[in-house]
Amino acid sequence: MALDAVQKSPDSPNKMSYVKASAIGALTGHSLKYLIPVTYQEKDESYNADLKKIKLDIKRMKLAEIEKIRNSGDKTEVTDTFIRMYDSKKLRFSQIEKLKAPIKDGLLDMIKNLNEKVKENFVIEKRKLDATTKNRRPTGVFVGVSIAVGFMIALIANIVHRIDFYNSQYPEDVEE
């Protein structure tokens, strides 16, 4: 006669394991810590101060890029127009519309490239700030709640399975 160290009940072959459900819940909770977006409550004074610092750094970067354009050896009509309009504070779309087609197109492309570079750097820095904020969240809360939810789901699934199993074993009165 063969003896198994762990016996499975023939009554419930599809019974959900509480340990497995809790482990899945723990992994889900740890993942949720980083997947849930930064909430309004987490955007406190330190978050806003860091965001203000990022915006200031991005503004400095944009000014540095404009200085690169100003000091570049490549002096074209487009760069001269850009620098002249920037210095006179007339770099407005209404003023750009009045220019001739090749200068206007080159100027719009230059502004578009500059804005894309600045926006890309801002998005990178903002994502770093959000990741730092999410990293400060307490892991235990997310994991603990998710373990409890996983355990409860396993418990409910096993209860429902047991009810279905007994209902299928003992059908209601069969008339002969």
C-alpha atoms as a PDB file:
ATOM      1  CA  MET A   1       0.000   0.000   0.000  1.00  0.00           C
ATOM      2  CA  ALA A   2       1.417   3.376  -1.059  1.00  0.00           C
ATOM      3  CA  LEU A   3       1.385   6.142   1.465  1.00  0.00           C
ATOM      4  CA  ASP A   4       1.513   9.809   0.458  1.00  0.00           C
ATOM      5  CA  ALA A   5       2.999  12.384   2.812  1.00  0.00           C
ATOM      6  CA  VAL A   6       0.458  14.925   1.673  1.00  0.00           C
ATOM      7  CA  GLN A   7      -2.961  13.583   0.943  1.00  0.00           C
ATOM      8  CA  LYS A   8      -5.433  15.353  -1.252  1.00  0.00           C
ATOM      9  CA  SER A   9      -9.036  15.153  -0.368  1.00  0.00           C
ATOM     10  CA  PRO A  10     -11.044  13.506  -3.130  1.00  0.00           C
ATOM     11  CA  ASP A  11     -13.954  15.757  -2.186  1.00  0.00           C
ATOM     12  CA  SER A  12     -12.277  18.988  -3.224  1.00  0.00           C
ATOM     13  CA  PRO A  13      -9.677  18.596  -5.978  1.00  0.00           C
ATOM     14  CA  ASN A  14      -9.980  22.252  -7.041  1.00  0.00           C
ATOM     15  CA  LYS A  15      -9.678  23.788  -3.585  1.00  0.00           C
ATOM     16  CA  MET A  16      -7.808  27.106  -3.662  1.00  0.00           C
ATOM     17  CA  SER A  17      -4.732  27.314  -1.435  1.00  0.00           C
ATOM     18  CA  TYR A  18      -4.788  30.078   1.173  1.00  0.00           C
ATOM     19  CA  VAL A  19      -1.014  30.407   1.091  1.00  0.00           C
ATOM     20  CA  LYS A  20      -0.936  30.769  -2.688  1.00  0.00           C
ATOM     21  CA  ALA A  21      -3.746  33.337  -2.631  1.00  0.00           C
ATOM     22  CA  SER A  22      -2.003  35.307   0.126  1.00  0.00           C
ATOM     23  CA  ALA A  23       1.318  35.235  -1.759  1.00  0.00           C
ATOM     24  CA  ILE A  24      -0.366  36.496  -4.913  1.00  0.00           C
ATOM     25  CA  GLY A  25      -2.013  39.193  -2.801  1.00  0.00           C
ATOM     26  CA  ALA A  26       1.349  40.227  -1.333  1.00  0.00           C
ATOM     27  CA  LEU A  27       2.912  40.532  -4.798  1.00  0.00           C
ATOM     28  CA  THR A  28      -0.087  42.483  -6.018  1.00  0.00           C
ATOM     29  CA  GLY A  29       0.108  44.842  -3.034  1.00  0.00           C
ATOM     30  CA  HIS A  30       3.806  45.506  -3.564  1.00  0.00           C
ATOM     31  CA  SER A  31       3.128  46.227  -7.249  1.00  0.00           C
ATOM     32  CA  LEU A  32       0.220  48.522  -6.426  1.00  0.00           C
ATOM     33  CA  LYS A  33       2.522  50.636  -4.268  1.00  0.00           C
ATOM     34  CA  TYR A  34       4.252  51.785  -7.460  1.00  0.00           C
ATOM     35  CA  LEU A  35       1.325  51.570  -9.914  1.00  0.00           C
ATOM     36  CA  ILE A  36      -1.124  53.827  -8.087  1.00  0.00           C
ATOM     37  CA  PRO A  37      -0.566  57.458  -9.168  1.00  0.00           C
ATOM     38  CA  VAL A  38       0.605  60.097  -6.720  1.00  0.00           C
ATOM     39  CA  THR A  39      -2.417  61.287  -4.765  1.00  0.00           C
ATOM     40  CA  TYR A  40      -3.412  64.771  -3.711  1.00  0.00           C
ATOM     41  CA  GLN A  41      -2.457  64.023  -0.096  1.00  0.00           C
ATOM     42  CA  GLU A  42       1.088  63.071  -1.148  1.00  0.00           C
ATOM     43  CA  LYS A  43       1.573  66.374  -2.941  1.00  0.00           C
ATOM     44  CA  ASP A  44       2.596  68.192   0.224  1.00  0.00           C
ATOM     45  CA  GLU A  45       4.988  71.089   0.784  1.00  0.00           C
ATOM     46  CA  SER A  46       8.112  69.056   0.053  1.00  0.00           C
ATOM     47  CA  TYR A  47       6.635  67.695  -3.191  1.00  0.00           C
ATOM     48  CA  ASN A  48       5.608  71.194  -4.304  1.00  0.00           C
ATOM     49  CA  ALA A  49       9.024  72.612  -3.343  1.00  0.00           C
ATOM     50  CA  ASP A  50      10.767  69.906  -5.375  1.00  0.00           C
ATOM     51  CA  LEU A  51       8.417  70.525  -8.321  1.00  0.00           C
ATOM     52  CA  LYS A  52       9.140  74.261  -8.126  1.00  0.00           C
ATOM     53  CA  LYS A  53      12.871  73.493  -8.146  1.00  0.00           C
ATOM     54  CA  ILE A  54      12.438  71.265 -11.213  1.00  0.00           C
ATOM     55  CA  LYS A  55      10.545  74.027 -13.038  1.00  0.00           C
ATOM     56  CA  LEU A  56      13.285  76.517 -12.183  1.00  0.00           C
ATOM     57  CA  ASP A  57      15.972  74.113 -13.447  1.00  0.00           C
ATOM     58  CA  ILE A  58      14.020  73.564 -16.670  1.00  0.00           C
ATOM     59  CA  LYS A  59      13.704  77.329 -17.162  1.00  0.00           C
ATOM     60  CA  ARG A  60      17.478  77.675 -16.693  1.00  0.00           C
ATOM     61  CA  MET A  61      18.020  74.886 -19.190  1.00  0.00           C
ATOM     62  CA  LYS A  62      15.806  76.646 -21.736  1.00  0.00           C
ATOM     63  CA  LEU A  63      17.757  79.879 -21.272  1.00  0.00           C
ATOM     64  CA  ALA A  64      21.009  77.936 -21.709  1.00  0.00           C
ATOM     65  CA  GLU A  65      19.700  76.459 -24.970  1.00  0.00           C
ATOM     66  CA  ILE A  66      18.799  79.946 -26.193  1.00  0.00           C
ATOM     67  CA  GLU A  67      22.324  81.094 -25.301  1.00  0.00           C
ATOM     68  CA  LYS A  68      23.713  78.158 -27.299  1.00  0.00           C
ATOM     69  CA  ILE A  69      21.689  79.320 -30.290  1.00  0.00           C
ATOM     70  CA  ARG A  70      22.914  82.876 -29.730  1.00  0.00           C
ATOM     71  CA  ASN A  71      26.591  81.848 -29.455  1.00  0.00           C
ATOM     72  CA  SER A  72      26.581  79.229 -32.195  1.00  0.00           C
ATOM     73  CA  GLY A  73      28.810  79.854 -35.176  1.00  0.00           C
ATOM     74  CA  ASP A  74      25.929  79.062 -37.512  1.00  0.00           C
ATOM     75  CA  LYS A  75      24.388  82.472 -38.179  1.00  0.00           C
ATOM     76  CA  THR A  76      21.460  82.133 -40.508  1.00  0.00           C
ATOM     77  CA  GLU A  77      18.622  84.486 -41.161  1.00  0.00           C
ATOM     78  CA  VAL A  78      16.361  82.287 -39.034  1.00  0.00           C
ATOM     79  CA  THR A  79      18.670  82.328 -35.989  1.00  0.00           C
ATOM     80  CA  ASP A  80      19.226  86.079 -36.349  1.00  0.00           C
ATOM     81  CA  THR A  81      15.464  86.650 -36.497  1.00  0.00           C
ATOM     82  CA  PHE A  82      14.951  84.357 -33.496  1.00  0.00           C
ATOM     83  CA  ILE A  83      17.567  86.172 -31.387  1.00  0.00           C
ATOM     84  CA  ARG A  84      16.339  89.618 -32.442  1.00  0.00           C
ATOM     85  CA  MET A  85      12.702  88.765 -31.637  1.00  0.00           C
ATOM     86  CA  TYR A  86      13.683  87.098 -28.341  1.00  0.00           C
ATOM     87  CA  ASP A  87      15.758  90.090 -27.221  1.00  0.00           C
ATOM     88  CA  SER A  88      13.012  92.559 -28.074  1.00  0.00           C
ATOM     89  CA  LYS A  89      10.387  90.382 -26.266  1.00  0.00           C
ATOM     90  CA  LYS A  90       8.380  90.138 -29.500  1.00  0.00           C
ATOM     91  CA  LEU A  91       8.608  86.374 -29.898  1.00  0.00           C
ATOM     92  CA  ARG A  92       4.858  85.966 -30.268  1.00  0.00           C
ATOM     93  CA  PHE A  93       2.907  83.892 -32.735  1.00  0.00           C
ATOM     94  CA  SER A  94       1.176  86.996 -34.083  1.00  0.00           C
ATOM     95  CA  GLN A  95       4.592  88.510 -34.893  1.00  0.00           C
ATOM     96  CA  ILE A  96       5.867  85.275 -36.430  1.00  0.00           C
ATOM     97  CA  GLU A  97       2.823  85.079 -38.731  1.00  0.00           C
ATOM     98  CA  LYS A  98       3.846  88.393 -40.333  1.00  0.00           C
ATOM     99  CA  LEU A  99       7.208  86.976 -41.512  1.00  0.00           C
ATOM    100  CA  LYS A 100       7.928  85.474 -44.936  1.00  0.00           C
ATOM    101  CA  ALA A 101       7.335  81.750 -45.485  1.00  0.00           C
ATOM    102  CA  PRO A 102      10.896  80.297 -45.306  1.00  0.00           C
ATOM    103  CA  ILE A 103      11.853  82.361 -42.248  1.00  0.00           C
ATOM    104  CA  LYS A 104       8.517  81.714 -40.571  1.00  0.00           C
ATOM    105  CA  ASP A 105       8.779  77.933 -41.120  1.00  0.00           C
ATOM    106  CA  GLY A 106      12.370  77.808 -39.885  1.00  0.00           C
ATOM    107  CA  LEU A 107      11.510  79.890 -36.843  1.00  0.00           C
ATOM    108  CA  LEU A 108       8.512  77.706 -35.981  1.00  0.00           C
ATOM    109  CA  ASP A 109      10.673  74.567 -36.347  1.00  0.00           C
ATOM    110  CA  MET A 110      13.353  76.057 -34.087  1.00  0.00           C
ATOM    111  CA  ILE A 111      10.799  76.947 -31.408  1.00  0.00           C
ATOM    112  CA  LYS A 112       9.135  73.532 -31.717  1.00  0.00           C
ATOM    113  CA  ASN A 113      12.460  71.706 -31.277  1.00  0.00           C
ATOM    114  CA  LEU A 114      13.392  73.869 -28.299  1.00  0.00           C
ATOM    115  CA  ASN A 115      10.030  73.304 -26.618  1.00  0.00           C
ATOM    116  CA  GLU A 116      10.141  69.540 -27.262  1.00  0.00           C
ATOM    117  CA  LYS A 117      13.583  69.274 -25.672  1.00  0.00           C
ATOM    118  CA  VAL A 118      12.463  71.260 -22.630  1.00  0.00           C
ATOM    119  CA  LYS A 119       9.230  69.282 -22.279  1.00  0.00           C
ATOM    120  CA  GLU A 120      11.074  65.966 -22.557  1.00  0.00           C
ATOM    121  CA  ASN A 121      13.447  66.937 -19.753  1.00  0.00           C
ATOM    122  CA  PHE A 122      10.563  68.181 -17.595  1.00  0.00           C
ATOM    123  CA  VAL A 123       8.692  64.886 -18.030  1.00  0.00           C
ATOM    124  CA  ILE A 124      11.814  62.904 -17.086  1.00  0.00           C
ATOM    125  CA  GLU A 125      12.401  64.972 -13.954  1.00  0.00           C
ATOM    126  CA  LYS A 126       8.710  64.838 -12.959  1.00  0.00           C
ATOM    127  CA  ARG A 127       8.718  61.034 -13.305  1.00  0.00           C
ATOM    128  CA  LYS A 128      11.777  60.873 -11.056  1.00  0.00           C
ATOM    129  CA  LEU A 129       9.977  63.004  -8.465  1.00  0.00           C
ATOM    130  CA  ASP A 130       6.862  60.815  -8.671  1.00  0.00           C
ATOM    131  CA  ALA A 131       8.975  57.648  -8.303  1.00  0.00           C
ATOM    132  CA  THR A 132      10.666  59.105  -5.228  1.00  0.00           C
ATOM    133  CA  THR A 133       7.281  60.012  -3.752  1.00  0.00           C
ATOM    134  CA  LYS A 134       5.918  56.519  -4.431  1.00  0.00           C
ATOM    135  CA  ASN A 135       9.023  54.985  -2.881  1.00  0.00           C
ATOM    136  CA  ARG A 136       8.259  56.795   0.412  1.00  0.00           C
ATOM    137  CA  ARG A 137       4.921  54.996   0.705  1.00  0.00           C
ATOM    138  CA  PRO A 138       4.761  52.351   3.452  1.00  0.00           C
ATOM    139  CA  THR A 139       5.062  48.939   1.825  1.00  0.00           C
ATOM    140  CA  GLY A 140       3.550  47.101   4.782  1.00  0.00           C
ATOM    141  CA  VAL A 141       0.164  48.730   4.365  1.00  0.00           C
ATOM    142  CA  PHE A 142      -0.145  47.767   0.704  1.00  0.00           C
ATOM    143  CA  VAL A 143       1.149  44.233   1.257  1.00  0.00           C
ATOM    144  CA  GLY A 144      -0.913  43.644   4.413  1.00  0.00           C
ATOM    145  CA  VAL A 145      -4.189  44.755   2.892  1.00  0.00           C
ATOM    146  CA  SER A 146      -3.527  42.762  -0.276  1.00  0.00           C
ATOM    147  CA  ILE A 147      -2.698  39.605   1.711  1.00  0.00           C
ATOM    148  CA  ALA A 148      -6.002  39.976   3.570  1.00  0.00           C
ATOM    149  CA  VAL A 149      -7.898  40.489   0.306  1.00  0.00           C
ATOM    150  CA  GLY A 150      -6.216  37.451  -1.291  1.00  0.00           C
ATOM    151  CA  PHE A 151      -7.002  35.324   1.761  1.00  0.00           C
ATOM    152  CA  MET A 152     -10.645  36.439   1.736  1.00  0.00           C
ATOM    153  CA  ILE A 153     -10.985  35.682  -1.976  1.00  0.00           C
ATOM    154  CA  ALA A 154      -9.592  32.176  -1.400  1.00  0.00           C
ATOM    155  CA  LEU A 155     -11.940  31.683   1.547  1.00  0.00           C
ATOM    156  CA  ILE A 156     -14.999  32.774  -0.438  1.00  0.00           C
ATOM    157  CA  ALA A 157     -13.958  30.669  -3.441  1.00  0.00           C
ATOM    158  CA  ASN A 158     -13.550  27.587  -1.250  1.00  0.00           C
ATOM    159  CA  ILE A 159     -16.924  28.155   0.430  1.00  0.00           C
ATOM    160  CA  VAL A 160     -18.648  28.558  -2.923  1.00  0.00           C
ATOM    161  CA  HIS A 161     -16.872  25.462  -4.268  1.00  0.00           C
ATOM    162  CA  ARG A 162     -17.892  23.422  -1.224  1.00  0.00           C
ATOM    163  CA  ILE A 163     -21.540  24.525  -1.592  1.00  0.00           C
ATOM    164  CA  ASP A 164     -21.505  23.612  -5.302  1.00  0.00           C
ATOM    165  CA  PHE A 165     -19.833  20.272  -4.534  1.00  0.00           C
ATOM    166  CA  TYR A 166     -22.416  19.241  -1.922  1.00  0.00           C
ATOM    167  CA  ASN A 167     -25.304  20.401  -4.087  1.00  0.00           C
ATOM    168  CA  SER A 168     -24.046  18.227  -6.932  1.00  0.00           C
ATOM    169  CA  GLN A 169     -23.527  15.215  -4.571  1.00  0.00           C
ATOM    170  CA  TYR A 170     -26.995  15.271  -3.121  1.00  0.00           C
ATOM    171  CA  PRO A 171     -29.506  16.311  -5.737  1.00  0.00           C
ATOM    172  CA  GLU A 172     -32.931  17.213  -4.528  1.00  0.00           C
ATOM    173  CA  ASP A 173     -35.585  14.569  -4.199  1.00  0.00           C
ATOM    174  CA  VAL A 174     -35.750  12.474  -7.296  1.00  0.00           C
ATOM    175  CA  GLU A 175     -39.142  11.049  -8.036  1.00  0.00           C
ATOM    176  CA  GLU A 176     -39.157   7.421  -8.942  1.00  0.00           C
END
